[in-house]
Amino acid sequence: MDELIASGQIPLPDCIKMDIEGGEARALAGAKSWLARAHPKIFLAVHGRPMHKQCTELLEAGGYQIEVIDWNGVGEVPNNPDLLAF
């Protein structure tokens, strides 16, 4: 994604919804540069605790605030979260 944005092939997004069946950490790592620059809102579905941990660590290192929402809609959603994981 960094390459596509740097080359002007796609614009910087302001919101991302990601559910790629276990590849989320790799995708986030590949978007590290523009995530730091644009800091878009992210809606992220993770698959398993190890993936949740990897993604959380990557995003928190980039200054993201994490809020977890489960699939039942239970959980308090902050007014301005950076990441919503479900």
PDB file of N, CA and C in Angstrom:
ATOM      1  N   MET A   1       0.821  -1.184   0.000  1.00  0.00           N
ATOM      2  CA  MET A   1       0.000   0.000   0.000  1.00  0.00           C
ATOM      3  C   MET A   1       0.869   1.252   0.000  1.00  0.00           C
ATOM      4  N   ASP A   2       1.982   1.193   0.756  1.00  0.00           N
ATOM      5  CA  ASP A   2       2.874   2.357   0.771  1.00  0.00           C
ATOM      6  C   ASP A   2       3.307   2.728  -0.646  1.00  0.00           C
ATOM      7  N   GLU A   3       3.647   1.710  -1.438  1.00  0.00           N
ATOM      8  CA  GLU A   3       4.105   1.963  -2.812  1.00  0.00           C
ATOM      9  C   GLU A   3       3.006   2.559  -3.678  1.00  0.00           C
ATOM     10  N   LEU A   4       1.788   2.050  -3.557  1.00  0.00           N
ATOM     11  CA  LEU A   4       0.670   2.556  -4.361  1.00  0.00           C
ATOM     12  C   LEU A   4       0.360   4.006  -4.024  1.00  0.00           C
ATOM     13  N   ILE A   5       0.404   4.330  -2.751  1.00  0.00           N
ATOM     14  CA  ILE A   5       0.131   5.701  -2.337  1.00  0.00           C
ATOM     15  C   ILE A   5       1.272   6.621  -2.744  1.00  0.00           C
ATOM     16  N   ALA A   6       2.516   6.173  -2.528  1.00  0.00           N
ATOM     17  CA  ALA A   6       3.686   6.991  -2.882  1.00  0.00           C
ATOM     18  C   ALA A   6       3.727   7.303  -4.374  1.00  0.00           C
ATOM     19  N   SER A   7       3.278   6.357  -5.190  1.00  0.00           N
ATOM     20  CA  SER A   7       3.301   6.567  -6.638  1.00  0.00           C
ATOM     21  C   SER A   7       2.093   7.357  -7.135  1.00  0.00           C
ATOM     22  N   GLY A   8       1.131   7.635  -6.255  1.00  0.00           N
ATOM     23  CA  GLY A   8      -0.056   8.392  -6.643  1.00  0.00           C
ATOM     24  C   GLY A   8      -1.127   7.553  -7.314  1.00  0.00           C
ATOM     25  N   GLN A   9      -0.968   6.221  -7.298  1.00  0.00           N
ATOM     26  CA  GLN A   9      -1.951   5.349  -7.929  1.00  0.00           C
ATOM     27  C   GLN A   9      -3.269   5.314  -7.147  1.00  0.00           C
ATOM     28  N   ILE A  10      -3.180   5.492  -5.834  1.00  0.00           N
ATOM     29  CA  ILE A  10      -4.383   5.571  -5.007  1.00  0.00           C
ATOM     30  C   ILE A  10      -4.209   6.717  -4.000  1.00  0.00           C
ATOM     31  N   PRO A  11      -5.311   7.368  -3.607  1.00  0.00           N
ATOM     32  CA  PRO A  11      -5.220   8.468  -2.635  1.00  0.00           C
ATOM     33  C   PRO A  11      -5.091   7.936  -1.206  1.00  0.00           C
ATOM     34  N   LEU A  12      -4.657   8.791  -0.297  1.00  0.00           N
ATOM     35  CA  LEU A  12      -4.615   8.434   1.121  1.00  0.00           C
ATOM     36  C   LEU A  12      -6.043   8.228   1.623  1.00  0.00           C
ATOM     37  N   PRO A  13      -6.349   7.072   2.211  1.00  0.00           N
ATOM     38  CA  PRO A  13      -7.699   6.865   2.738  1.00  0.00           C
ATOM     39  C   PRO A  13      -7.858   7.536   4.094  1.00  0.00           C
ATOM     40  N   ASP A  14      -9.082   7.876   4.448  1.00  0.00           N
ATOM     41  CA  ASP A  14      -9.338   8.409   5.782  1.00  0.00           C
ATOM     42  C   ASP A  14     -10.038   7.379   6.667  1.00  0.00           C
ATOM     43  N   CYS A  15     -10.422   6.240   6.061  1.00  0.00           N
ATOM     44  CA  CYS A  15     -11.075   5.166   6.795  1.00  0.00           C
ATOM     45  C   CYS A  15     -10.752   3.840   6.099  1.00  0.00           C
ATOM     46  N   ILE A  16     -10.487   2.805   6.888  1.00  0.00           N
ATOM     47  CA  ILE A  16     -10.166   1.483   6.345  1.00  0.00           C
ATOM     48  C   ILE A  16     -10.999   0.435   7.073  1.00  0.00           C
ATOM     49  N   LYS A  17     -11.576  -0.492   6.327  1.00  0.00           N
ATOM     50  CA  LYS A  17     -12.229  -1.675   6.893  1.00  0.00           C
ATOM     51  C   LYS A  17     -11.417  -2.860   6.396  1.00  0.00           C
ATOM     52  N   MET A  18     -10.881  -3.646   7.313  1.00  0.00           N
ATOM     53  CA  MET A  18      -9.984  -4.724   6.930  1.00  0.00           C
ATOM     54  C   MET A  18     -10.429  -6.043   7.552  1.00  0.00           C
ATOM     55  N   ASP A  19     -10.598  -7.051   6.720  1.00  0.00           N
ATOM     56  CA  ASP A  19     -10.895  -8.424   7.149  1.00  0.00           C
ATOM     57  C   ASP A  19     -10.299  -9.336   6.083  1.00  0.00           C
ATOM     58  N   ILE A  20      -9.052  -9.751   6.301  1.00  0.00           N
ATOM     59  CA  ILE A  20      -8.366 -10.522   5.264  1.00  0.00           C
ATOM     60  C   ILE A  20      -7.873 -11.872   5.770  1.00  0.00           C
ATOM     61  N   GLU A  21      -8.670 -12.462   6.660  1.00  0.00           N
ATOM     62  CA  GLU A  21      -8.490 -13.852   7.087  1.00  0.00           C
ATOM     63  C   GLU A  21      -7.068 -14.201   7.524  1.00  0.00           C
ATOM     64  N   GLY A  22      -6.536 -13.439   8.438  1.00  0.00           N
ATOM     65  CA  GLY A  22      -5.231 -13.773   9.004  1.00  0.00           C
ATOM     66  C   GLY A  22      -4.063 -12.991   8.438  1.00  0.00           C
ATOM     67  N   GLY A  23      -4.279 -12.169   7.444  1.00  0.00           N
ATOM     68  CA  GLY A  23      -3.189 -11.385   6.852  1.00  0.00           C
ATOM     69  C   GLY A  23      -3.156  -9.943   7.322  1.00  0.00           C
ATOM     70  N   GLU A  24      -3.928  -9.635   8.359  1.00  0.00           N
ATOM     71  CA  GLU A  24      -4.065  -8.248   8.799  1.00  0.00           C
ATOM     72  C   GLU A  24      -2.743  -7.628   9.243  1.00  0.00           C
ATOM     73  N   ALA A  25      -1.944  -8.356  10.026  1.00  0.00           N
ATOM     74  CA  ALA A  25      -0.674  -7.797  10.520  1.00  0.00           C
ATOM     75  C   ALA A  25       0.279  -7.495   9.360  1.00  0.00           C
ATOM     76  N   ARG A  26       0.334  -8.372   8.378  1.00  0.00           N
ATOM     77  CA  ARG A  26       1.200  -8.127   7.209  1.00  0.00           C
ATOM     78  C   ARG A  26       0.736  -6.898   6.435  1.00  0.00           C
ATOM     79  N   ALA A  27      -0.573  -6.754   6.275  1.00  0.00           N
ATOM     80  CA  ALA A  27      -1.108  -5.601   5.552  1.00  0.00           C
ATOM     81  C   ALA A  27      -0.825  -4.302   6.317  1.00  0.00           C
ATOM     82  N   LEU A  28      -1.002  -4.329   7.631  1.00  0.00           N
ATOM     83  CA  LEU A  28      -0.730  -3.138   8.434  1.00  0.00           C
ATOM     84  C   LEU A  28       0.751  -2.781   8.404  1.00  0.00           C
ATOM     85  N   ALA A  29       1.617  -3.795   8.463  1.00  0.00           N
ATOM     86  CA  ALA A  29       3.057  -3.546   8.399  1.00  0.00           C
ATOM     87  C   ALA A  29       3.436  -2.945   7.042  1.00  0.00           C
ATOM     88  N   GLY A  30       2.751  -3.376   5.990  1.00  0.00           N
ATOM     89  CA  GLY A  30       3.009  -2.850   4.653  1.00  0.00           C
ATOM     90  C   GLY A  30       2.454  -1.457   4.429  1.00  0.00           C
ATOM     91  N   ALA A  31       1.644  -1.001   5.356  1.00  0.00           N
ATOM     92  CA  ALA A  31       1.041   0.334   5.249  1.00  0.00           C
ATOM     93  C   ALA A  31       1.583   1.276   6.319  1.00  0.00           C
ATOM     94  N   LYS A  32       2.631   0.855   6.985  1.00  0.00           N
ATOM     95  CA  LYS A  32       3.170   1.581   8.136  1.00  0.00           C
ATOM     96  C   LYS A  32       3.447   3.058   7.861  1.00  0.00           C
ATOM     97  N   SER A  33       4.035   3.351   6.738  1.00  0.00           N
ATOM     98  CA  SER A  33       4.424   4.724   6.412  1.00  0.00           C
ATOM     99  C   SER A  33       3.211   5.641   6.291  1.00  0.00           C
ATOM    100  N   TRP A  34       2.233   5.273   5.474  1.00  0.00           N
ATOM    101  CA  TRP A  34       1.095   6.166   5.298  1.00  0.00           C
ATOM    102  C   TRP A  34       0.137   6.121   6.474  1.00  0.00           C
ATOM    103  N   LEU A  35       0.107   5.024   7.246  1.00  0.00           N
ATOM    104  CA  LEU A  35      -0.711   5.007   8.460  1.00  0.00           C
ATOM    105  C   LEU A  35      -0.214   6.075   9.431  1.00  0.00           C
ATOM    106  N   ALA A  36       1.109   6.207   9.534  1.00  0.00           N
ATOM    107  CA  ALA A  36       1.694   7.223  10.407  1.00  0.00           C
ATOM    108  C   ALA A  36       1.380   8.629   9.898  1.00  0.00           C
ATOM    109  N   ARG A  37       1.361   8.784   8.588  1.00  0.00           N
ATOM    110  CA  ARG A  37       1.117  10.095   7.974  1.00  0.00           C
ATOM    111  C   ARG A  37      -0.355  10.488   8.010  1.00  0.00           C
ATOM    112  N   ALA A  38      -1.226   9.599   7.584  1.00  0.00           N
ATOM    113  CA  ALA A  38      -2.657   9.921   7.431  1.00  0.00           C
ATOM    114  C   ALA A  38      -3.485   9.598   8.675  1.00  0.00           C
ATOM    115  N   HIS A  39      -3.033   8.604   9.439  1.00  0.00           N
ATOM    116  CA  HIS A  39      -3.716   8.156  10.653  1.00  0.00           C
ATOM    117  C   HIS A  39      -5.229   7.975  10.418  1.00  0.00           C
ATOM    118  N   PRO A  40      -5.613   7.108   9.445  1.00  0.00           N
ATOM    119  CA  PRO A  40      -7.046   6.900   9.175  1.00  0.00           C
ATOM    120  C   PRO A  40      -7.716   6.084  10.282  1.00  0.00           C
ATOM    121  N   LYS A  41      -9.017   6.191  10.370  1.00  0.00           N
ATOM    122  CA  LYS A  41      -9.795   5.313  11.252  1.00  0.00           C
ATOM    123  C   LYS A  41      -9.696   3.911  10.655  1.00  0.00           C
ATOM    124  N   ILE A  42      -9.606   2.895  11.523  1.00  0.00           N
ATOM    125  CA  ILE A  42      -9.481   1.520  11.054  1.00  0.00           C
ATOM    126  C   ILE A  42     -10.531   0.653  11.738  1.00  0.00           C
ATOM    127  N   PHE A  43     -11.280  -0.076  10.919  1.00  0.00           N
ATOM    128  CA  PHE A  43     -12.190  -1.096  11.405  1.00  0.00           C
ATOM    129  C   PHE A  43     -11.545  -2.413  11.020  1.00  0.00           C
ATOM    130  N   LEU A  44     -11.153  -3.209  12.006  1.00  0.00           N
ATOM    131  CA  LEU A  44     -10.309  -4.367  11.754  1.00  0.00           C
ATOM    132  C   LEU A  44     -10.914  -5.628  12.364  1.00  0.00           C
ATOM    133  N   ALA A  45     -11.136  -6.633  11.549  1.00  0.00           N
ATOM    134  CA  ALA A  45     -11.558  -7.945  12.040  1.00  0.00           C
ATOM    135  C   ALA A  45     -10.305  -8.796  12.145  1.00  0.00           C
ATOM    136  N   VAL A  46     -10.042  -9.308  13.341  1.00  0.00           N
ATOM    137  CA  VAL A  46      -8.868 -10.155  13.530  1.00  0.00           C
ATOM    138  C   VAL A  46      -9.311 -11.577  13.810  1.00  0.00           C
ATOM    139  N   HIS A  47      -8.443 -12.504  13.510  1.00  0.00           N
ATOM    140  CA  HIS A  47      -8.768 -13.918  13.641  1.00  0.00           C
ATOM    141  C   HIS A  47      -7.811 -14.565  14.629  1.00  0.00           C
ATOM    142  N   GLY A  48      -8.232 -14.626  15.885  1.00  0.00           N
ATOM    143  CA  GLY A  48      -7.447 -15.264  16.935  1.00  0.00           C
ATOM    144  C   GLY A  48      -6.639 -14.279  17.758  1.00  0.00           C
ATOM    145  N   ARG A  49      -6.300 -14.734  18.955  1.00  0.00           N
ATOM    146  CA  ARG A  49      -5.547 -13.895  19.888  1.00  0.00           C
ATOM    147  C   ARG A  49      -4.162 -13.504  19.377  1.00  0.00           C
ATOM    148  N   PRO A  50      -3.409 -14.420  18.754  1.00  0.00           N
ATOM    149  CA  PRO A  50      -2.079 -14.015  18.268  1.00  0.00           C
ATOM    150  C   PRO A  50      -2.158 -12.875  17.241  1.00  0.00           C
ATOM    151  N   MET A  51      -3.136 -12.940  16.340  1.00  0.00           N
ATOM    152  CA  MET A  51      -3.276 -11.880  15.334  1.00  0.00           C
ATOM    153  C   MET A  51      -3.718 -10.574  16.000  1.00  0.00           C
ATOM    154  N   HIS A  52      -4.623 -10.671  16.952  1.00  0.00           N
ATOM    155  CA  HIS A  52      -5.066  -9.482  17.684  1.00  0.00           C
ATOM    156  C   HIS A  52      -3.868  -8.817  18.359  1.00  0.00           C
ATOM    157  N   LYS A  53      -3.024  -9.621  18.999  1.00  0.00           N
ATOM    158  CA  LYS A  53      -1.843  -9.092  19.691  1.00  0.00           C
ATOM    159  C   LYS A  53      -0.889  -8.412  18.707  1.00  0.00           C
ATOM    160  N   GLN A  54      -0.605  -9.065  17.586  1.00  0.00           N
ATOM    161  CA  GLN A  54       0.298  -8.487  16.581  1.00  0.00           C
ATOM    162  C   GLN A  54      -0.235  -7.158  16.061  1.00  0.00           C
ATOM    163  N   CYS A  55      -1.498  -7.128  15.706  1.00  0.00           N
ATOM    164  CA  CYS A  55      -2.097  -5.912  15.151  1.00  0.00           C
ATOM    165  C   CYS A  55      -2.136  -4.794  16.190  1.00  0.00           C
ATOM    166  N   THR A  56      -2.498  -5.156  17.415  1.00  0.00           N
ATOM    167  CA  THR A  56      -2.551  -4.164  18.489  1.00  0.00           C
ATOM    168  C   THR A  56      -1.174  -3.553  18.714  1.00  0.00           C
ATOM    169  N   GLU A  57      -0.146  -4.388  18.778  1.00  0.00           N
ATOM    170  CA  GLU A  57       1.215  -3.889  18.994  1.00  0.00           C
ATOM    171  C   GLU A  57       1.659  -2.973  17.860  1.00  0.00           C
ATOM    172  N   LEU A  58       1.397  -3.379  16.623  1.00  0.00           N
ATOM    173  CA  LEU A  58       1.761  -2.555  15.467  1.00  0.00           C
ATOM    174  C   LEU A  58       1.082  -1.187  15.516  1.00  0.00           C
ATOM    175  N   LEU A  59      -0.208  -1.199  15.780  1.00  0.00           N
ATOM    176  CA  LEU A  59      -0.965   0.045  15.747  1.00  0.00           C
ATOM    177  C   LEU A  59      -0.699   0.939  16.954  1.00  0.00           C
ATOM    178  N   GLU A  60      -0.555   0.348  18.129  1.00  0.00           N
ATOM    179  CA  GLU A  60      -0.234   1.159  19.296  1.00  0.00           C
ATOM    180  C   GLU A  60       1.134   1.814  19.144  1.00  0.00           C
ATOM    181  N   ALA A  61       2.080   1.112  18.537  1.00  0.00           N
ATOM    182  CA  ALA A  61       3.405   1.697  18.279  1.00  0.00           C
ATOM    183  C   ALA A  61       3.292   2.892  17.335  1.00  0.00           C
ATOM    184  N   GLY A  62       2.246   2.908  16.505  1.00  0.00           N
ATOM    185  CA  GLY A  62       2.011   4.009  15.583  1.00  0.00           C
ATOM    186  C   GLY A  62       1.107   5.090  16.156  1.00  0.00           C
ATOM    187  N   GLY A  63       0.792   4.999  17.446  1.00  0.00           N
ATOM    188  CA  GLY A  63       0.004   6.036  18.095  1.00  0.00           C
ATOM    189  C   GLY A  63      -1.497   5.835  18.054  1.00  0.00           C
ATOM    190  N   TYR A  64      -1.952   4.649  17.682  1.00  0.00           N
ATOM    191  CA  TYR A  64      -3.388   4.382  17.632  1.00  0.00           C
ATOM    192  C   TYR A  64      -3.950   4.043  19.001  1.00  0.00           C
ATOM    193  N   GLN A  65      -5.191   4.441  19.237  1.00  0.00           N
ATOM    194  CA  GLN A  65      -5.959   4.081  20.420  1.00  0.00           C
ATOM    195  C   GLN A  65      -6.834   2.900  20.015  1.00  0.00           C
ATOM    196  N   ILE A  66      -6.828   1.841  20.801  1.00  0.00           N
ATOM    197  CA  ILE A  66      -7.547   0.616  20.456  1.00  0.00           C
ATOM    198  C   ILE A  66      -8.845   0.510  21.248  1.00  0.00           C
ATOM    199  N   GLU A  67      -9.915   0.167  20.559  1.00  0.00           N
ATOM    200  CA  GLU A  67     -11.196  -0.120  21.190  1.00  0.00           C
ATOM    201  C   GLU A  67     -11.719  -1.409  20.577  1.00  0.00           C
ATOM    202  N   VAL A  68     -12.026  -2.384  21.405  1.00  0.00           N
ATOM    203  CA  VAL A  68     -12.503  -3.682  20.920  1.00  0.00           C
ATOM    204  C   VAL A  68     -14.025  -3.706  20.954  1.00  0.00           C
ATOM    205  N   ILE A  69     -14.607  -4.162  19.860  1.00  0.00           N
ATOM    206  CA  ILE A  69     -16.049  -4.365  19.750  1.00  0.00           C
ATOM    207  C   ILE A  69     -16.251  -5.830  19.389  1.00  0.00           C
ATOM    208  N   ASP A  70     -17.055  -6.543  20.152  1.00  0.00           N
ATOM    209  CA  ASP A  70     -17.252  -7.938  19.778  1.00  0.00           C
ATOM    210  C   ASP A  70     -18.381  -8.062  18.770  1.00  0.00           C
ATOM    211  N   TRP A  71     -18.547  -9.248  18.227  1.00  0.00           N
ATOM    212  CA  TRP A  71     -19.506  -9.475  17.144  1.00  0.00           C
ATOM    213  C   TRP A  71     -20.957  -9.330  17.589  1.00  0.00           C
ATOM    214  N   ASN A  72     -21.210  -9.269  18.897  1.00  0.00           N
ATOM    215  CA  ASN A  72     -22.575  -9.074  19.397  1.00  0.00           C
ATOM    216  C   ASN A  72     -22.912  -7.601  19.583  1.00  0.00           C
ATOM    217  N   GLY A  73     -21.967  -6.732  19.280  1.00  0.00           N
ATOM    218  CA  GLY A  73     -22.219  -5.317  19.447  1.00  0.00           C
ATOM    219  C   GLY A  73     -22.080  -4.858  20.887  1.00  0.00           C
ATOM    220  N   VAL A  74     -21.604  -5.742  21.757  1.00  0.00           N
ATOM    221  CA  VAL A  74     -21.441  -5.408  23.166  1.00  0.00           C
ATOM    222  C   VAL A  74     -20.120  -4.668  23.330  1.00  0.00           C
ATOM    223  N   GLY A  75     -20.119  -3.699  24.149  1.00  0.00           N
ATOM    224  CA  GLY A  75     -18.899  -2.949  24.390  1.00  0.00           C
ATOM    225  C   GLY A  75     -19.135  -1.482  24.160  1.00  0.00           C
ATOM    226  N   GLU A  76     -18.463  -0.701  24.931  1.00  0.00           N
ATOM    227  CA  GLU A  76     -18.612   0.738  24.841  1.00  0.00           C
ATOM    228  C   GLU A  76     -17.715   1.274  23.736  1.00  0.00           C
ATOM    229  N   VAL A  77     -18.245   2.102  22.887  1.00  0.00           N
ATOM    230  CA  VAL A  77     -17.490   2.690  21.793  1.00  0.00           C
ATOM    231  C   VAL A  77     -17.180   4.138  22.157  1.00  0.00           C
ATOM    232  N   PRO A  78     -15.890   4.509  22.149  1.00  0.00           N
ATOM    233  CA  PRO A  78     -15.549   5.890  22.467  1.00  0.00           C
ATOM    234  C   PRO A  78     -16.000   6.836  21.357  1.00  0.00           C
ATOM    235  N   ASN A  79     -16.057   8.124  21.666  1.00  0.00           N
ATOM    236  CA  ASN A  79     -16.491   9.116  20.693  1.00  0.00           C
ATOM    237  C   ASN A  79     -15.603   9.192  19.475  1.00  0.00           C
ATOM    238  N   ASN A  80     -14.301   8.987  19.656  1.00  0.00           N
ATOM    239  CA  ASN A  80     -13.371   9.181  18.560  1.00  0.00           C
ATOM    240  C   ASN A  80     -12.273   8.115  18.559  1.00  0.00           C
ATOM    241  N   PRO A  81     -12.624   6.838  18.392  1.00  0.00           N
ATOM    242  CA  PRO A  81     -11.594   5.816  18.413  1.00  0.00           C
ATOM    243  C   PRO A  81     -10.799   5.821  17.112  1.00  0.00           C
ATOM    244  N   ASP A  82      -9.569   5.343  17.178  1.00  0.00           N
ATOM    245  CA  ASP A  82      -8.733   5.194  15.993  1.00  0.00           C
ATOM    246  C   ASP A  82      -8.902   3.810  15.373  1.00  0.00           C
ATOM    247  N   LEU A  83      -9.096   2.821  16.214  1.00  0.00           N
ATOM    248  CA  LEU A  83      -9.213   1.443  15.741  1.00  0.00           C
ATOM    249  C   LEU A  83     -10.394   0.786  16.413  1.00  0.00           C
ATOM    250  N   LEU A  84     -11.249   0.181  15.632  1.00  0.00           N
ATOM    251  CA  LEU A  84     -12.314  -0.645  16.174  1.00  0.00           C
ATOM    252  C   LEU A  84     -12.068  -2.066  15.702  1.00  0.00           C
ATOM    253  N   ALA A  85     -11.748  -2.956  16.618  1.00  0.00           N
ATOM    254  CA  ALA A  85     -11.487  -4.358  16.275  1.00  0.00           C
ATOM    255  C   ALA A  85     -12.693  -5.183  16.661  1.00  0.00           C
ATOM    256  N   PHE A  86     -13.126  -6.026  15.732  1.00  0.00           N
ATOM    257  CA  PHE A  86     -14.271  -6.887  16.035  1.00  0.00           C
ATOM    258  C   PHE A  86     -14.036  -8.270  15.516  1.00  0.00           C
TER     259      PHE A  86
END
